[in-house]
Amino acid sequence: MNDIKNLGALGFEFPSPLYLLGSLLFGLVGYVAFRRGRKAQRPELTWTGVALMIYPYVVSQTWLLWLTGAILCVWLYAKWE
């Protein structure tokens, strides 16, 4: 337990469980969209899938992760067919 406190004192922060759940969920949705887009040769699905898989590495706030993921999923749903 002291190791976690020591890491916190050094500036390391562990993500919340909601952040981990969101990054896993949106990563899986992105992977499915990427595979479907490549198979159907539809670049809008492919690139939206890539965006869903990569953006959790850029976003550090949980609310922004869920908001961006929801917007990308709505875009994906509109383009799916």
N, C-alpha and C. Protein backbone atom coordinates (compact mmCIF):
# COMPACT_ATOMS: atom_id res chain seq x y z
N MET A 1 0.82 -1.19 0.00
CA MET A 1 0.00 0.00 0.00
C MET A 1 0.86 1.25 0.00
N ASN A 2 2.01 1.19 0.64
CA ASN A 2 2.90 2.34 0.66
C ASN A 2 3.46 2.62 -0.73
N ASP A 3 3.61 1.55 -1.53
CA ASP A 3 4.13 1.75 -2.88
C ASP A 3 3.18 2.61 -3.71
N ILE A 4 1.89 2.42 -3.54
CA ILE A 4 0.91 3.22 -4.28
C ILE A 4 0.98 4.67 -3.83
N LYS A 5 1.13 4.90 -2.54
CA LYS A 5 1.27 6.26 -2.04
C LYS A 5 2.55 6.91 -2.54
N ASN A 6 3.61 6.13 -2.61
CA ASN A 6 4.89 6.66 -3.11
C ASN A 6 4.77 7.03 -4.59
N LEU A 7 4.08 6.20 -5.37
CA LEU A 7 3.88 6.52 -6.78
C LEU A 7 3.02 7.77 -6.93
N GLY A 8 2.02 7.93 -6.08
CA GLY A 8 1.19 9.13 -6.11
C GLY A 8 2.00 10.37 -5.79
N ALA A 9 2.95 10.25 -4.89
CA ALA A 9 3.79 11.39 -4.54
C ALA A 9 4.72 11.76 -5.70
N LEU A 10 5.03 10.79 -6.55
CA LEU A 10 5.88 11.05 -7.72
C LEU A 10 5.10 11.61 -8.90
N GLY A 11 3.79 11.65 -8.78
CA GLY A 11 2.98 12.21 -9.86
C GLY A 11 2.25 11.19 -10.70
N PHE A 12 2.38 9.90 -10.38
CA PHE A 12 1.67 8.87 -11.12
C PHE A 12 0.26 8.74 -10.58
N GLU A 13 -0.70 8.67 -11.49
CA GLU A 13 -2.09 8.47 -11.09
C GLU A 13 -2.65 7.27 -11.83
N PHE A 14 -3.38 6.45 -11.11
CA PHE A 14 -4.02 5.31 -11.73
C PHE A 14 -5.38 5.73 -12.26
N PRO A 15 -5.77 5.22 -13.43
CA PRO A 15 -7.08 5.59 -13.98
C PRO A 15 -8.21 4.99 -13.15
N SER A 16 -9.36 5.64 -13.22
CA SER A 16 -10.52 5.14 -12.49
C SER A 16 -11.07 3.90 -13.19
N PRO A 17 -11.85 3.10 -12.48
CA PRO A 17 -12.46 1.93 -13.11
C PRO A 17 -13.38 2.30 -14.28
N LEU A 18 -14.07 3.43 -14.20
CA LEU A 18 -14.91 3.87 -15.32
C LEU A 18 -14.08 4.21 -16.55
N TYR A 19 -12.92 4.78 -16.34
CA TYR A 19 -12.03 5.09 -17.46
C TYR A 19 -11.55 3.80 -18.12
N LEU A 20 -11.15 2.83 -17.32
CA LEU A 20 -10.69 1.55 -17.86
C LEU A 20 -11.81 0.83 -18.61
N LEU A 21 -13.02 0.86 -18.06
CA LEU A 21 -14.17 0.24 -18.72
C LEU A 21 -14.46 0.93 -20.05
N GLY A 22 -14.44 2.25 -20.06
CA GLY A 22 -14.70 3.00 -21.28
C GLY A 22 -13.66 2.75 -22.35
N SER A 23 -12.40 2.73 -21.97
CA SER A 23 -11.35 2.50 -22.96
C SER A 23 -11.43 1.09 -23.52
N LEU A 24 -11.77 0.13 -22.70
CA LEU A 24 -11.94 -1.24 -23.18
C LEU A 24 -13.16 -1.36 -24.10
N LEU A 25 -14.27 -0.78 -23.69
CA LEU A 25 -15.50 -0.84 -24.48
C LEU A 25 -15.33 -0.16 -25.83
N PHE A 26 -14.82 1.05 -25.85
CA PHE A 26 -14.65 1.78 -27.10
C PHE A 26 -13.56 1.16 -27.97
N GLY A 27 -12.56 0.57 -27.35
CA GLY A 27 -11.54 -0.13 -28.12
C GLY A 27 -12.10 -1.35 -28.83
N LEU A 28 -12.97 -2.09 -28.15
CA LEU A 28 -13.60 -3.26 -28.78
C LEU A 28 -14.54 -2.85 -29.90
N VAL A 29 -15.33 -1.82 -29.67
CA VAL A 29 -16.23 -1.32 -30.72
C VAL A 29 -15.40 -0.83 -31.91
N GLY A 30 -14.30 -0.16 -31.64
CA GLY A 30 -13.42 0.32 -32.70
C GLY A 30 -12.80 -0.82 -33.48
N TYR A 31 -12.43 -1.90 -32.80
CA TYR A 31 -11.86 -3.04 -33.48
C TYR A 31 -12.87 -3.69 -34.42
N VAL A 32 -14.10 -3.84 -33.95
CA VAL A 32 -15.16 -4.42 -34.79
C VAL A 32 -15.42 -3.52 -36.00
N ALA A 33 -15.48 -2.22 -35.79
CA ALA A 33 -15.71 -1.29 -36.90
C ALA A 33 -14.54 -1.32 -37.88
N PHE A 34 -13.33 -1.40 -37.37
CA PHE A 34 -12.16 -1.46 -38.23
C PHE A 34 -12.19 -2.72 -39.11
N ARG A 35 -12.47 -3.86 -38.49
CA ARG A 35 -12.53 -5.11 -39.26
C ARG A 35 -13.65 -5.09 -40.30
N ARG A 36 -14.81 -4.60 -39.89
CA ARG A 36 -15.95 -4.52 -40.82
C ARG A 36 -15.66 -3.55 -41.96
N GLY A 37 -15.04 -2.43 -41.66
CA GLY A 37 -14.72 -1.44 -42.68
C GLY A 37 -13.70 -1.95 -43.68
N ARG A 38 -12.70 -2.68 -43.21
CA ARG A 38 -11.71 -3.23 -44.14
C ARG A 38 -12.32 -4.33 -45.00
N LYS A 39 -13.17 -5.15 -44.39
CA LYS A 39 -13.78 -6.24 -45.14
C LYS A 39 -14.74 -5.72 -46.22
N ALA A 40 -15.49 -4.68 -45.88
CA ALA A 40 -16.46 -4.11 -46.81
C ALA A 40 -15.86 -3.00 -47.68
N GLN A 41 -14.59 -2.70 -47.48
CA GLN A 41 -13.89 -1.64 -48.20
C GLN A 41 -14.62 -0.30 -48.07
N ARG A 42 -14.93 0.04 -46.81
CA ARG A 42 -15.58 1.31 -46.49
C ARG A 42 -14.66 2.11 -45.58
N PRO A 43 -13.97 3.10 -46.16
CA PRO A 43 -12.97 3.84 -45.37
C PRO A 43 -13.55 4.60 -44.18
N GLU A 44 -14.81 5.06 -44.25
CA GLU A 44 -15.35 5.80 -43.11
C GLU A 44 -15.50 4.90 -41.89
N LEU A 45 -15.84 3.63 -42.10
CA LEU A 45 -15.91 2.69 -40.97
C LEU A 45 -14.51 2.35 -40.47
N THR A 46 -13.60 2.16 -41.39
CA THR A 46 -12.23 1.80 -41.02
C THR A 46 -11.59 2.90 -40.17
N TRP A 47 -11.68 4.15 -40.62
CA TRP A 47 -11.03 5.24 -39.91
C TRP A 47 -11.74 5.60 -38.61
N THR A 48 -13.05 5.41 -38.57
CA THR A 48 -13.74 5.63 -37.30
C THR A 48 -13.33 4.56 -36.29
N GLY A 49 -13.16 3.34 -36.76
CA GLY A 49 -12.66 2.27 -35.89
C GLY A 49 -11.26 2.57 -35.36
N VAL A 50 -10.40 3.08 -36.22
CA VAL A 50 -9.05 3.45 -35.80
C VAL A 50 -9.11 4.56 -34.75
N ALA A 51 -9.97 5.54 -34.99
CA ALA A 51 -10.12 6.64 -34.03
C ALA A 51 -10.61 6.13 -32.68
N LEU A 52 -11.57 5.20 -32.69
CA LEU A 52 -12.09 4.66 -31.44
C LEU A 52 -11.02 3.86 -30.68
N MET A 53 -10.13 3.23 -31.41
CA MET A 53 -9.09 2.44 -30.74
C MET A 53 -7.96 3.31 -30.20
N ILE A 54 -7.68 4.45 -30.84
CA ILE A 54 -6.50 5.24 -30.48
C ILE A 54 -6.80 6.38 -29.51
N TYR A 55 -7.98 6.98 -29.58
CA TYR A 55 -8.20 8.20 -28.80
C TYR A 55 -8.10 8.02 -27.28
N PRO A 56 -8.35 6.84 -26.69
CA PRO A 56 -8.15 6.75 -25.23
C PRO A 56 -6.71 7.00 -24.79
N TYR A 57 -5.76 6.86 -25.69
CA TYR A 57 -4.37 7.15 -25.34
C TYR A 57 -4.11 8.65 -25.25
N VAL A 58 -4.96 9.45 -25.86
CA VAL A 58 -4.78 10.89 -25.91
C VAL A 58 -5.57 11.59 -24.82
N VAL A 59 -6.74 11.06 -24.51
CA VAL A 59 -7.66 11.68 -23.55
C VAL A 59 -7.34 11.15 -22.15
N SER A 60 -7.24 12.05 -21.18
CA SER A 60 -6.92 11.61 -19.82
C SER A 60 -8.06 11.79 -18.82
N GLN A 61 -9.12 12.47 -19.21
CA GLN A 61 -10.24 12.70 -18.30
C GLN A 61 -11.37 11.74 -18.64
N THR A 62 -11.99 11.18 -17.62
CA THR A 62 -13.02 10.16 -17.81
C THR A 62 -14.23 10.72 -18.54
N TRP A 63 -14.70 11.89 -18.17
CA TRP A 63 -15.91 12.44 -18.81
C TRP A 63 -15.65 12.72 -20.28
N LEU A 64 -14.44 13.16 -20.62
CA LEU A 64 -14.10 13.44 -22.01
C LEU A 64 -13.97 12.15 -22.82
N LEU A 65 -13.47 11.10 -22.18
CA LEU A 65 -13.38 9.79 -22.83
C LEU A 65 -14.77 9.30 -23.22
N TRP A 66 -15.72 9.37 -22.27
CA TRP A 66 -17.07 8.88 -22.55
C TRP A 66 -17.80 9.77 -23.55
N LEU A 67 -17.61 11.07 -23.48
CA LEU A 67 -18.27 11.98 -24.42
C LEU A 67 -17.75 11.76 -25.85
N THR A 68 -16.44 11.70 -26.01
CA THR A 68 -15.86 11.48 -27.33
C THR A 68 -16.24 10.12 -27.88
N GLY A 69 -16.21 9.10 -27.03
CA GLY A 69 -16.59 7.76 -27.46
C GLY A 69 -18.04 7.68 -27.88
N ALA A 70 -18.92 8.35 -27.15
CA ALA A 70 -20.33 8.35 -27.52
C ALA A 70 -20.55 9.05 -28.85
N ILE A 71 -19.87 10.17 -29.07
CA ILE A 71 -20.00 10.89 -30.34
C ILE A 71 -19.50 10.04 -31.50
N LEU A 72 -18.36 9.39 -31.32
CA LEU A 72 -17.83 8.53 -32.38
C LEU A 72 -18.73 7.32 -32.63
N CYS A 73 -19.34 6.78 -31.58
CA CYS A 73 -20.25 5.64 -31.76
C CYS A 73 -21.53 6.07 -32.49
N VAL A 74 -22.04 7.26 -32.21
CA VAL A 74 -23.21 7.76 -32.94
C VAL A 74 -22.86 7.95 -34.41
N TRP A 75 -21.68 8.51 -34.70
CA TRP A 75 -21.21 8.67 -36.08
C TRP A 75 -21.11 7.29 -36.76
N LEU A 76 -20.56 6.32 -36.03
CA LEU A 76 -20.41 4.98 -36.56
C LEU A 76 -21.76 4.34 -36.84
N TYR A 77 -22.71 4.51 -35.95
CA TYR A 77 -24.05 3.96 -36.13
C TYR A 77 -24.73 4.58 -37.34
N ALA A 78 -24.52 5.87 -37.56
CA ALA A 78 -25.14 6.55 -38.70
C ALA A 78 -24.56 6.07 -40.02
N LYS A 79 -23.28 5.69 -40.02
CA LYS A 79 -22.60 5.25 -41.24
C LYS A 79 -22.66 3.74 -41.46
N TRP A 80 -23.11 2.98 -40.49
CA TRP A 80 -23.03 1.52 -40.54
C TRP A 80 -23.89 0.94 -41.66
N GLU A 81 -25.07 1.41 -41.90
CA GLU A 81 -26.03 1.00 -42.94
C GLU A 81 -27.39 0.82 -42.37
